[in-house]
Amino acid sequence: MKRAHLLHNPGAGEKDFSKNELMELIGKAGFECTYSSVKKENWDKFEDETDFLVIAGGDGTVRRTAKALLKRKVLDKQFPLALLPHGTANNVAGTLNISGTVHDIIPTWHKSILKKFDVGKIGGLPDNMFFLEAFGFGIFPKLMKVMNKMQDDVKESREDKIKMARAVLYDVVLSYRSRACKIVADGVDHTGKYVMVEIMNTRSIGPNLELSPASDPGDGEFEIILIPENHQKKFEEYLLNLINGKEDNYSFTTLKAKKIQVLWEGKDLHADDETIKIDKPVEVNIEVRPGLLEFLVTNPES
C-alpha cells in the first residue's frame, strides 16, 4: 500500500475541503495517509517513508510546496506531487490536465504516470527566486496589486472571482502605458515597447487566461508571450470579448527559449502569484531548470 502525505490549505477555494473528508476518501481509495496543514509550523518535514505528496489547495499552495522541495539537498529524498486542485485559478492543474472532483481524481493515482515539470531560475534580483507558472512584467503584476487590495472584500464563488479579475485586468489595460523592454531570447534580440512580457511555463496565468495553449511544462524551454505597443487595442478587444463570452481569434506573439535576458523600464514584476518590488529597473536573467519536479498525472493509456 502506497503512503501519501496530505498537504492541506484549509483556506483555499470555497472551503468545502475538510481534513476529515479528504483523509477518509484517500484511505478508502487504498492509500495510507498522513496529514499536515500548510498553515501550521513544520508542515514541510516529510518522512522518507512517504511515497508521494498530495497538495489540496490552489496554485499558491503548489508554489509553496515546490519552494520547500527545491530547498532540499540533492541527496535528500524527492517526492512526486499529486494535485487536488481547489484554488481559484488552478493554472498548474489545468496545464497538467488534472480536473474533476476529488472522487474522480484520487483513484487515478493508482494508474498515474510521472510528468516532469521544469522550474524557472530567476537571476539578477536581490533574492534567489523561481517560478512554476510564469515570470513577467507589466499588466499582470499591476493586476495583482489591485486584486490584493480588494481581496478581503471578495466573497464570491470561484467563477465570480475569475470574472471580476478579468474585468479589473481590462481596466488596467485601458490605462496602462507601454514601456521599453530589452529582451534577448537564446541570443536573439527582440527589444521594443511592450504592454506585457510574460515568460511562461504553463498554458494559462492569472484569471485562467490561456495565453500559451501549446505550453508543455516539461519540454525544457519557455514560451515568451509579448503584447507590443501596437497590439494594446487588440488585447483590449480580446479581453472584452472574453468577459462577454464571445470568441476572439487574437493570437499572441510567442517566442520559445531556454535562456532569456530582460531589462524592463518599469517596476511592475511578478513570479507566479507573488509581486516583486524593485527600486529601479534591473536586468533579469531567466534560465530553465529541466524536470526539477514531478507530478502524478493520468496515464493516457489507462
C-alpha atoms as a PDB file:
ATOM      1  CA  MET A   1       0.000   0.000   0.000  1.00  0.00           C
ATOM      2  CA  LYS A   2       1.446   3.338  -1.056  1.00  0.00           C
ATOM      3  CA  ARG A   3       1.807   6.039   1.560  1.00  0.00           C
ATOM      4  CA  ALA A   4       0.635   9.561   0.804  1.00  0.00           C
ATOM      5  CA  HIS A   5       1.162  12.702   2.839  1.00  0.00           C
ATOM      6  CA  LEU A   6      -1.633  15.247   2.514  1.00  0.00           C
ATOM      7  CA  LEU A   7      -0.659  18.938   2.449  1.00  0.00           C
ATOM      8  CA  HIS A   8      -3.880  20.810   3.020  1.00  0.00           C
ATOM      9  CA  ASN A   9      -4.692  24.501   2.692  1.00  0.00           C
ATOM     10  CA  PRO A  10      -7.976  24.749   4.642  1.00  0.00           C
ATOM     11  CA  GLY A  11      -8.499  28.311   3.393  1.00  0.00           C
ATOM     12  CA  ALA A  12      -8.281  27.565  -0.338  1.00  0.00           C
ATOM     13  CA  GLY A  13     -11.107  27.968  -2.785  1.00  0.00           C
ATOM     14  CA  GLU A  14     -14.630  27.823  -1.397  1.00  0.00           C
ATOM     15  CA  LYS A  15     -13.537  25.986   1.778  1.00  0.00           C
ATOM     16  CA  ASP A  16     -15.550  22.792   1.283  1.00  0.00           C
ATOM     17  CA  PHE A  17     -12.467  20.590   1.520  1.00  0.00           C
ATOM     18  CA  SER A  18     -12.325  19.352   5.128  1.00  0.00           C
ATOM     19  CA  LYS A  19      -9.380  17.440   6.571  1.00  0.00           C
ATOM     20  CA  ASN A  20     -11.556  14.516   7.664  1.00  0.00           C
ATOM     21  CA  GLU A  21     -13.327  14.200   4.308  1.00  0.00           C
ATOM     22  CA  LEU A  22     -10.066  14.148   2.382  1.00  0.00           C
ATOM     23  CA  MET A  23      -8.357  11.685   4.715  1.00  0.00           C
ATOM     24  CA  GLU A  24     -11.369   9.359   4.520  1.00  0.00           C
ATOM     25  CA  LEU A  25     -11.534   9.478   0.720  1.00  0.00           C
ATOM     26  CA  ILE A  26      -7.789   8.866   0.319  1.00  0.00           C
ATOM     27  CA  GLY A  27      -7.939   5.974   2.793  1.00  0.00           C
ATOM     28  CA  LYS A  28     -10.949   4.380   1.081  1.00  0.00           C
ATOM     29  CA  ALA A  29      -9.068   4.548  -2.233  1.00  0.00           C
ATOM     30  CA  GLY A  30      -6.397   2.253  -0.779  1.00  0.00           C
ATOM     31  CA  PHE A  31      -3.661   4.649   0.327  1.00  0.00           C
ATOM     32  CA  GLU A  32      -2.118   5.127   3.764  1.00  0.00           C
ATOM     33  CA  CYS A  33      -2.209   8.833   4.514  1.00  0.00           C
ATOM     34  CA  THR A  34      -0.689  11.266   6.974  1.00  0.00           C
ATOM     35  CA  TYR A  35      -1.622  14.936   7.233  1.00  0.00           C
ATOM     36  CA  SER A  36      -0.204  18.449   7.554  1.00  0.00           C
ATOM     37  CA  SER A  37      -1.919  21.816   7.342  1.00  0.00           C
ATOM     38  CA  VAL A  38       0.256  24.247   5.393  1.00  0.00           C
ATOM     39  CA  LYS A  39      -0.922  26.894   7.854  1.00  0.00           C
ATOM     40  CA  LYS A  40       0.953  25.186  10.705  1.00  0.00           C
ATOM     41  CA  GLU A  41       4.663  25.172  11.571  1.00  0.00           C
ATOM     42  CA  ASN A  42       6.877  22.311  10.373  1.00  0.00           C
ATOM     43  CA  TRP A  43       4.343  21.303   7.710  1.00  0.00           C
ATOM     44  CA  ASP A  44       7.269  20.649   5.356  1.00  0.00           C
ATOM     45  CA  LYS A  45       9.013  17.996   7.460  1.00  0.00           C
ATOM     46  CA  PHE A  46       8.338  14.978   5.259  1.00  0.00           C
ATOM     47  CA  GLU A  47       9.130  11.407   6.332  1.00  0.00           C
ATOM     48  CA  ASP A  48      11.210   9.273   3.986  1.00  0.00           C
ATOM     49  CA  GLU A  49       8.573   6.521   4.183  1.00  0.00           C
ATOM     50  CA  THR A  50       6.216   8.769   2.215  1.00  0.00           C
ATOM     51  CA  ASP A  51       5.760   7.732  -1.432  1.00  0.00           C
ATOM     52  CA  PHE A  52       4.162  10.955  -2.690  1.00  0.00           C
ATOM     53  CA  LEU A  53       2.760  14.269  -1.509  1.00  0.00           C
ATOM     54  CA  VAL A  54      -0.832  15.333  -2.078  1.00  0.00           C
ATOM     55  CA  ILE A  55      -1.481  19.074  -2.421  1.00  0.00           C
ATOM     56  CA  ALA A  56      -5.063  20.087  -1.630  1.00  0.00           C
ATOM     57  CA  GLY A  57      -5.145  23.773  -2.486  1.00  0.00           C
ATOM     58  CA  GLY A  58      -4.575  26.265  -5.258  1.00  0.00           C
ATOM     59  CA  ASP A  59      -1.589  27.491  -7.249  1.00  0.00           C
ATOM     60  CA  GLY A  60      -0.220  29.354  -4.229  1.00  0.00           C
ATOM     61  CA  THR A  61      -0.072  26.127  -2.216  1.00  0.00           C
ATOM     62  CA  VAL A  62       1.603  24.343  -5.140  1.00  0.00           C
ATOM     63  CA  ARG A  63       4.232  27.082  -5.267  1.00  0.00           C
ATOM     64  CA  ARG A  64       4.769  26.951  -1.513  1.00  0.00           C
ATOM     65  CA  THR A  65       5.275  23.182  -1.630  1.00  0.00           C
ATOM     66  CA  ALA A  66       7.640  23.463  -4.597  1.00  0.00           C
ATOM     67  CA  LYS A  67       9.673  26.044  -2.699  1.00  0.00           C
ATOM     68  CA  ALA A  68      10.083  23.615   0.208  1.00  0.00           C
ATOM     69  CA  LEU A  69      11.108  20.770  -2.115  1.00  0.00           C
ATOM     70  CA  LEU A  70      13.588  22.902  -4.055  1.00  0.00           C
ATOM     71  CA  LYS A  71      15.358  23.734  -0.792  1.00  0.00           C
ATOM     72  CA  ARG A  72      16.055  20.067  -0.101  1.00  0.00           C
ATOM     73  CA  LYS A  73      19.576  18.773  -0.580  1.00  0.00           C
ATOM     74  CA  VAL A  74      20.483  16.759  -3.664  1.00  0.00           C
ATOM     75  CA  LEU A  75      20.856  13.549  -1.642  1.00  0.00           C
ATOM     76  CA  ASP A  76      17.556  14.031   0.220  1.00  0.00           C
ATOM     77  CA  LYS A  77      14.589  12.024  -0.982  1.00  0.00           C
ATOM     78  CA  GLN A  78      12.500  13.829  -3.569  1.00  0.00           C
ATOM     79  CA  PHE A  79       8.740  13.371  -3.630  1.00  0.00           C
ATOM     80  CA  PRO A  80       6.328  13.271  -6.580  1.00  0.00           C
ATOM     81  CA  LEU A  81       3.320  15.575  -6.255  1.00  0.00           C
ATOM     82  CA  ALA A  82      -0.363  14.730  -6.672  1.00  0.00           C
ATOM     83  CA  LEU A  83      -2.859  17.579  -7.016  1.00  0.00           C
ATOM     84  CA  LEU A  84      -6.362  18.045  -5.655  1.00  0.00           C
ATOM     85  CA  PRO A  85      -6.935  21.488  -7.201  1.00  0.00           C
ATOM     86  CA  HIS A  86      -9.028  23.731  -5.017  1.00  0.00           C
ATOM     87  CA  GLY A  87      -7.941  27.287  -5.619  1.00  0.00           C
ATOM     88  CA  THR A  88      -9.452  29.999  -7.751  1.00  0.00           C
ATOM     89  CA  ALA A  89      -7.433  29.634 -10.957  1.00  0.00           C
ATOM     90  CA  ASN A  90      -5.644  26.242 -10.656  1.00  0.00           C
ATOM     91  CA  ASN A  91      -3.400  27.053 -13.621  1.00  0.00           C
ATOM     92  CA  VAL A  92      -0.837  24.345 -12.791  1.00  0.00           C
ATOM     93  CA  ALA A  93      -3.510  21.642 -12.565  1.00  0.00           C
ATOM     94  CA  GLY A  94      -5.138  22.858 -15.769  1.00  0.00           C
ATOM     95  CA  THR A  95      -1.842  22.665 -17.640  1.00  0.00           C
ATOM     96  CA  LEU A  96      -1.396  19.085 -16.398  1.00  0.00           C
ATOM     97  CA  ASN A  97      -4.983  18.206 -17.425  1.00  0.00           C
ATOM     98  CA  ILE A  98      -5.943  17.450 -13.823  1.00  0.00           C
ATOM     99  CA  SER A  99      -9.613  18.233 -13.284  1.00  0.00           C
ATOM    100  CA  GLY A 100     -12.786  16.846 -11.754  1.00  0.00           C
ATOM    101  CA  THR A 101     -13.889  16.212  -8.193  1.00  0.00           C
ATOM    102  CA  VAL A 102     -11.741  14.610  -5.512  1.00  0.00           C
ATOM    103  CA  HIS A 103     -13.832  11.446  -6.036  1.00  0.00           C
ATOM    104  CA  ASP A 104     -12.719  11.440  -9.690  1.00  0.00           C
ATOM    105  CA  ILE A 105      -9.047  12.273  -9.115  1.00  0.00           C
ATOM    106  CA  ILE A 106      -7.949  10.169  -6.138  1.00  0.00           C
ATOM    107  CA  PRO A 107      -8.496   6.711  -7.737  1.00  0.00           C
ATOM    108  CA  THR A 108      -6.380   7.742 -10.762  1.00  0.00           C
ATOM    109  CA  TRP A 109      -3.255   7.810  -8.585  1.00  0.00           C
ATOM    110  CA  HIS A 110      -3.071   4.006  -8.804  1.00  0.00           C
ATOM    111  CA  LYS A 111      -2.578   4.177 -12.595  1.00  0.00           C
ATOM    112  CA  SER A 112      -0.884   7.550 -12.920  1.00  0.00           C
ATOM    113  CA  ILE A 113       2.453   8.276 -14.578  1.00  0.00           C
ATOM    114  CA  LEU A 114       5.100  10.806 -13.585  1.00  0.00           C
ATOM    115  CA  LYS A 115       5.257  14.057 -15.546  1.00  0.00           C
ATOM    116  CA  LYS A 116       8.466  16.085 -15.375  1.00  0.00           C
ATOM    117  CA  PHE A 117       7.935  19.763 -14.591  1.00  0.00           C
ATOM    118  CA  ASP A 118      10.533  22.434 -15.324  1.00  0.00           C
ATOM    119  CA  VAL A 119      11.355  25.319 -12.996  1.00  0.00           C
ATOM    120  CA  GLY A 120      12.420  28.820 -13.982  1.00  0.00           C
ATOM    121  CA  LYS A 121      15.504  30.162 -12.216  1.00  0.00           C
ATOM    122  CA  ILE A 122      15.468  33.963 -11.857  1.00  0.00           C
ATOM    123  CA  GLY A 123      18.791  35.776 -11.539  1.00  0.00           C
ATOM    124  CA  GLY A 124      19.562  39.454 -11.101  1.00  0.00           C
ATOM    125  CA  LEU A 125      17.086  40.211  -8.301  1.00  0.00           C
ATOM    126  CA  PRO A 126      18.066  40.649  -4.629  1.00  0.00           C
ATOM    127  CA  ASP A 127      16.648  37.233  -3.631  1.00  0.00           C
ATOM    128  CA  ASN A 128      17.122  33.915  -5.355  1.00  0.00           C
ATOM    129  CA  MET A 129      13.747  33.342  -6.961  1.00  0.00           C
ATOM    130  CA  PHE A 130      11.990  30.802  -9.149  1.00  0.00           C
ATOM    131  CA  PHE A 131       8.712  30.339 -10.982  1.00  0.00           C
ATOM    132  CA  LEU A 132       6.477  27.430 -11.940  1.00  0.00           C
ATOM    133  CA  GLU A 133       3.787  29.236 -13.941  1.00  0.00           C
ATOM    134  CA  ALA A 134       5.242  32.480 -15.263  1.00  0.00           C
ATOM    135  CA  PHE A 135       7.541  35.405 -14.646  1.00  0.00           C
ATOM    136  CA  GLY A 136       6.566  38.697 -16.161  1.00  0.00           C
ATOM    137  CA  PHE A 137       6.366  42.438 -16.417  1.00  0.00           C
ATOM    138  CA  GLY A 138       3.644  44.994 -16.988  1.00  0.00           C
ATOM    139  CA  ILE A 139      -0.080  44.488 -16.714  1.00  0.00           C
ATOM    140  CA  PHE A 140      -0.196  41.225 -14.728  1.00  0.00           C
ATOM    141  CA  PRO A 141       1.769  42.393 -11.678  1.00  0.00           C
ATOM    142  CA  LYS A 142      -0.303  45.574 -11.844  1.00  0.00           C
ATOM    143  CA  LEU A 143      -3.458  43.437 -11.763  1.00  0.00           C
ATOM    144  CA  MET A 144      -2.125  41.535  -8.744  1.00  0.00           C
ATOM    145  CA  LYS A 145      -1.562  44.742  -6.813  1.00  0.00           C
ATOM    146  CA  VAL A 146      -5.123  45.867  -7.461  1.00  0.00           C
ATOM    147  CA  MET A 147      -6.615  42.456  -6.602  1.00  0.00           C
ATOM    148  CA  ASN A 148      -4.617  42.169  -3.372  1.00  0.00           C
ATOM    149  CA  LYS A 149      -6.200  45.397  -2.165  1.00  0.00           C
ATOM    150  CA  MET A 150      -9.664  44.049  -2.990  1.00  0.00           C
ATOM    151  CA  GLN A 151      -9.151  40.500  -1.706  1.00  0.00           C
ATOM    152  CA  ASP A 152     -10.728  40.941   1.723  1.00  0.00           C
ATOM    153  CA  ASP A 153     -13.923  42.205   0.126  1.00  0.00           C
ATOM    154  CA  VAL A 154     -14.263  39.328  -2.318  1.00  0.00           C
ATOM    155  CA  LYS A 155     -16.723  36.678  -1.064  1.00  0.00           C
ATOM    156  CA  GLU A 156     -17.967  35.402  -4.413  1.00  0.00           C
ATOM    157  CA  SER A 157     -17.630  31.959  -5.970  1.00  0.00           C
ATOM    158  CA  ARG A 158     -14.582  30.845  -7.950  1.00  0.00           C
ATOM    159  CA  GLU A 159     -16.306  31.724 -11.235  1.00  0.00           C
ATOM    160  CA  ASP A 160     -17.299  35.178  -9.988  1.00  0.00           C
ATOM    161  CA  LYS A 161     -13.753  35.869  -8.781  1.00  0.00           C
ATOM    162  CA  ILE A 162     -12.335  34.984 -12.193  1.00  0.00           C
ATOM    163  CA  LYS A 163     -14.878  37.188 -13.955  1.00  0.00           C
ATOM    164  CA  MET A 164     -14.086  40.066 -11.634  1.00  0.00           C
ATOM    165  CA  ALA A 165     -10.323  39.669 -12.108  1.00  0.00           C
ATOM    166  CA  ARG A 166     -10.758  39.723 -15.892  1.00  0.00           C
ATOM    167  CA  ALA A 167     -12.836  42.906 -15.616  1.00  0.00           C
ATOM    168  CA  VAL A 168     -10.172  44.521 -13.429  1.00  0.00           C
ATOM    169  CA  LEU A 169      -7.483  43.449 -15.905  1.00  0.00           C
ATOM    170  CA  TYR A 170      -9.447  45.115 -18.700  1.00  0.00           C
ATOM    171  CA  ASP A 171      -9.473  48.371 -16.699  1.00  0.00           C
ATOM    172  CA  VAL A 172      -5.720  48.030 -16.076  1.00  0.00           C
ATOM    173  CA  VAL A 173      -5.007  47.564 -19.794  1.00  0.00           C
ATOM    174  CA  LEU A 174      -7.107  50.603 -20.733  1.00  0.00           C
ATOM    175  CA  SER A 175      -4.875  52.938 -18.716  1.00  0.00           C
ATOM    176  CA  TYR A 176      -1.527  51.122 -18.928  1.00  0.00           C
ATOM    177  CA  ARG A 177       1.354  52.843 -20.676  1.00  0.00           C
ATOM    178  CA  SER A 178       3.695  50.690 -22.769  1.00  0.00           C
ATOM    179  CA  ARG A 179       7.305  50.588 -21.670  1.00  0.00           C
ATOM    180  CA  ALA A 180      10.644  49.958 -23.322  1.00  0.00           C
ATOM    181  CA  CYS A 181      11.951  46.450 -22.790  1.00  0.00           C
ATOM    182  CA  LYS A 182      15.198  44.841 -23.811  1.00  0.00           C
ATOM    183  CA  ILE A 183      14.611  41.142 -24.489  1.00  0.00           C
ATOM    184  CA  VAL A 184      17.269  38.687 -25.632  1.00  0.00           C
ATOM    185  CA  ALA A 185      15.931  35.140 -26.072  1.00  0.00           C
ATOM    186  CA  ASP A 186      18.601  32.489 -26.702  1.00  0.00           C
ATOM    187  CA  GLY A 187      20.850  35.178 -28.120  1.00  0.00           C
ATOM    188  CA  VAL A 188      18.244  36.814 -30.402  1.00  0.00           C
ATOM    189  CA  ASP A 189      17.263  40.426 -29.663  1.00  0.00           C
ATOM    190  CA  HIS A 190      13.550  41.322 -29.518  1.00  0.00           C
ATOM    191  CA  THR A 191      13.827  44.733 -27.865  1.00  0.00           C
ATOM    192  CA  GLY A 192      10.832  47.048 -28.233  1.00  0.00           C
ATOM    193  CA  LYS A 193       7.963  48.768 -26.404  1.00  0.00           C
ATOM    194  CA  TYR A 194       5.524  46.419 -24.720  1.00  0.00           C
ATOM    195  CA  VAL A 195       2.413  46.419 -22.550  1.00  0.00           C
ATOM    196  CA  MET A 196       3.180  42.935 -21.306  1.00  0.00           C
ATOM    197  CA  VAL A 197       6.044  40.448 -21.338  1.00  0.00           C
ATOM    198  CA  GLU A 198       5.327  37.015 -19.829  1.00  0.00           C
ATOM    199  CA  ILE A 199       7.815  34.162 -19.702  1.00  0.00           C
ATOM    200  CA  MET A 200       5.510  31.170 -19.350  1.00  0.00           C
ATOM    201  CA  ASN A 201       5.822  27.551 -18.304  1.00  0.00           C
ATOM    202  CA  THR A 202       2.082  26.831 -18.006  1.00  0.00           C
ATOM    203  CA  ARG A 203      -0.697  27.327 -20.544  1.00  0.00           C
ATOM    204  CA  SER A 204      -2.580  29.914 -18.503  1.00  0.00           C
ATOM    205  CA  ILE A 205      -1.879  32.507 -15.829  1.00  0.00           C
ATOM    206  CA  GLY A 206      -3.884  34.855 -13.641  1.00  0.00           C
ATOM    207  CA  PRO A 207      -7.665  34.529 -14.040  1.00  0.00           C
ATOM    208  CA  ASN A 208      -7.384  31.492 -16.346  1.00  0.00           C
ATOM    209  CA  LEU A 209      -6.111  33.463 -19.342  1.00  0.00           C
ATOM    210  CA  GLU A 210      -4.822  30.829 -21.751  1.00  0.00           C
ATOM    211  CA  LEU A 211      -2.055  32.889 -23.308  1.00  0.00           C
ATOM    212  CA  SER A 212       0.053  29.893 -24.309  1.00  0.00           C
ATOM    213  CA  PRO A 213      -2.166  26.891 -25.114  1.00  0.00           C
ATOM    214  CA  ALA A 214       0.757  24.895 -26.525  1.00  0.00           C
ATOM    215  CA  SER A 215       2.945  25.186 -23.407  1.00  0.00           C
ATOM    216  CA  ASP A 216       4.436  21.944 -22.106  1.00  0.00           C
ATOM    217  CA  PRO A 217       5.958  22.458 -18.627  1.00  0.00           C
ATOM    218  CA  GLY A 218       8.309  19.533 -19.158  1.00  0.00           C
ATOM    219  CA  ASP A 219       9.795  20.343 -22.565  1.00  0.00           C
ATOM    220  CA  GLY A 220      12.913  22.141 -21.296  1.00  0.00           C
ATOM    221  CA  GLU A 221      12.055  25.598 -22.631  1.00  0.00           C
ATOM    222  CA  PHE A 222       9.713  28.519 -22.013  1.00  0.00           C
ATOM    223  CA  GLU A 223       7.203  30.401 -24.125  1.00  0.00           C
ATOM    224  CA  ILE A 224       7.621  34.191 -24.119  1.00  0.00           C
ATOM    225  CA  ILE A 225       4.298  35.949 -24.677  1.00  0.00           C
ATOM    226  CA  LEU A 226       4.560  39.539 -25.884  1.00  0.00           C
ATOM    227  CA  ILE A 227       1.957  42.275 -26.271  1.00  0.00           C
ATOM    228  CA  PRO A 228       3.693  45.100 -28.155  1.00  0.00           C
ATOM    229  CA  GLU A 229       2.548  48.693 -28.012  1.00  0.00           C
ATOM    230  CA  ASN A 230       0.719  48.442 -31.349  1.00  0.00           C
ATOM    231  CA  HIS A 231      -1.351  45.454 -30.086  1.00  0.00           C
ATOM    232  CA  GLN A 232      -2.738  47.148 -26.983  1.00  0.00           C
ATOM    233  CA  LYS A 233      -6.115  47.896 -28.593  1.00  0.00           C
ATOM    234  CA  LYS A 234      -6.344  44.332 -29.934  1.00  0.00           C
ATOM    235  CA  PHE A 235      -5.677  42.965 -26.450  1.00  0.00           C
ATOM    236  CA  GLU A 236      -8.360  45.256 -25.012  1.00  0.00           C
ATOM    237  CA  GLU A 237     -10.838  43.835 -27.541  1.00  0.00           C
ATOM    238  CA  TYR A 238      -9.728  40.282 -26.735  1.00  0.00           C
ATOM    239  CA  LEU A 239     -10.367  40.820 -23.009  1.00  0.00           C
ATOM    240  CA  LEU A 240     -13.727  42.448 -23.625  1.00  0.00           C
ATOM    241  CA  ASN A 241     -14.825  39.558 -25.831  1.00  0.00           C
ATOM    242  CA  LEU A 242     -13.612  37.089 -23.202  1.00  0.00           C
ATOM    243  CA  ILE A 243     -15.587  38.866 -20.482  1.00  0.00           C
ATOM    244  CA  ASN A 244     -18.707  38.857 -22.673  1.00  0.00           C
ATOM    245  CA  GLY A 245     -18.340  35.220 -23.657  1.00  0.00           C
ATOM    246  CA  LYS A 246     -17.544  35.914 -27.306  1.00  0.00           C
ATOM    247  CA  GLU A 247     -14.928  34.103 -29.376  1.00  0.00           C
ATOM    248  CA  ASP A 248     -11.818  36.007 -30.394  1.00  0.00           C
ATOM    249  CA  ASN A 249      -9.077  34.777 -32.713  1.00  0.00           C
ATOM    250  CA  TYR A 250      -6.408  37.157 -31.388  1.00  0.00           C
ATOM    251  CA  SER A 251      -3.063  35.343 -31.450  1.00  0.00           C
ATOM    252  CA  PHE A 252      -0.288  36.346 -29.093  1.00  0.00           C
ATOM    253  CA  THR A 253       3.252  36.983 -30.278  1.00  0.00           C
ATOM    254  CA  THR A 254       5.124  33.951 -28.943  1.00  0.00           C
ATOM    255  CA  LEU A 255       8.820  33.058 -28.741  1.00  0.00           C
ATOM    256  CA  LYS A 256      10.473  29.912 -27.366  1.00  0.00           C
ATOM    257  CA  ALA A 257      13.735  29.990 -25.420  1.00  0.00           C
ATOM    258  CA  LYS A 258      15.790  28.362 -22.676  1.00  0.00           C
ATOM    259  CA  LYS A 259      17.755  31.441 -21.596  1.00  0.00           C
ATOM    260  CA  ILE A 260      16.292  34.944 -21.535  1.00  0.00           C
ATOM    261  CA  GLN A 261      17.696  38.333 -20.525  1.00  0.00           C
ATOM    262  CA  VAL A 262      15.140  41.069 -19.822  1.00  0.00           C
ATOM    263  CA  LEU A 263      15.526  44.713 -18.836  1.00  0.00           C
ATOM    264  CA  TRP A 264      12.094  46.290 -18.265  1.00  0.00           C
ATOM    265  CA  GLU A 265      11.786  50.051 -17.975  1.00  0.00           C
ATOM    266  CA  GLY A 266       9.091  49.835 -15.291  1.00  0.00           C
ATOM    267  CA  LYS A 267       8.901  48.402 -11.770  1.00  0.00           C
ATOM    268  CA  ASP A 268       5.947  46.021 -12.110  1.00  0.00           C
ATOM    269  CA  LEU A 269       7.232  42.422 -11.854  1.00  0.00           C
ATOM    270  CA  HIS A 270       5.836  39.105 -10.671  1.00  0.00           C
ATOM    271  CA  ALA A 271       6.865  35.485 -10.191  1.00  0.00           C
ATOM    272  CA  ASP A 272       3.761  33.260 -10.223  1.00  0.00           C
ATOM    273  CA  ASP A 273       1.330  34.879  -7.763  1.00  0.00           C
ATOM    274  CA  GLU A 274       3.968  36.968  -5.973  1.00  0.00           C
ATOM    275  CA  THR A 275       4.562  40.598  -6.889  1.00  0.00           C
ATOM    276  CA  ILE A 276       8.174  41.780  -6.766  1.00  0.00           C
ATOM    277  CA  LYS A 277       9.113  45.277  -5.680  1.00  0.00           C
ATOM    278  CA  ILE A 278      12.250  46.849  -7.135  1.00  0.00           C
ATOM    279  CA  ASP A 279      13.551  50.372  -6.637  1.00  0.00           C
ATOM    280  CA  LYS A 280      14.934  50.738 -10.137  1.00  0.00           C
ATOM    281  CA  PRO A 281      14.929  48.728 -13.371  1.00  0.00           C
ATOM    282  CA  VAL A 282      17.350  45.789 -13.326  1.00  0.00           C
ATOM    283  CA  GLU A 283      18.400  43.209 -15.898  1.00  0.00           C
ATOM    284  CA  VAL A 284      16.885  39.848 -15.053  1.00  0.00           C
ATOM    285  CA  ASN A 285      18.273  36.546 -16.292  1.00  0.00           C
ATOM    286  CA  ILE A 286      15.907  33.613 -16.709  1.00  0.00           C
ATOM    287  CA  GLU A 287      17.120  30.063 -17.143  1.00  0.00           C
ATOM    288  CA  VAL A 288      15.141  26.832 -17.422  1.00  0.00           C
ATOM    289  CA  ARG A 289      15.989  24.070 -14.955  1.00  0.00           C
ATOM    290  CA  PRO A 290      14.540  20.965 -16.600  1.00  0.00           C
ATOM    291  CA  GLY A 291      12.456  18.449 -14.684  1.00  0.00           C
ATOM    292  CA  LEU A 292      13.190  19.509 -11.112  1.00  0.00           C
ATOM    293  CA  LEU A 293       9.673  18.500 -10.029  1.00  0.00           C
ATOM    294  CA  GLU A 294       7.461  15.521 -10.860  1.00  0.00           C
ATOM    295  CA  PHE A 295       3.658  15.377 -10.833  1.00  0.00           C
ATOM    296  CA  LEU A 296       1.318  12.390 -10.894  1.00  0.00           C
ATOM    297  CA  VAL A 297      -0.869  12.706 -13.990  1.00  0.00           C
ATOM    298  CA  THR A 298      -3.401  10.456 -15.674  1.00  0.00           C
ATOM    299  CA  ASN A 299      -1.923   7.790 -17.881  1.00  0.00           C
ATOM    300  CA  PRO A 300      -3.476   8.357 -21.355  1.00  0.00           C
ATOM    301  CA  GLU A 301      -3.359   4.599 -21.985  1.00  0.00           C
ATOM    302  CA  SER A 302      -5.333   3.696 -18.879  1.00  0.00           C
END
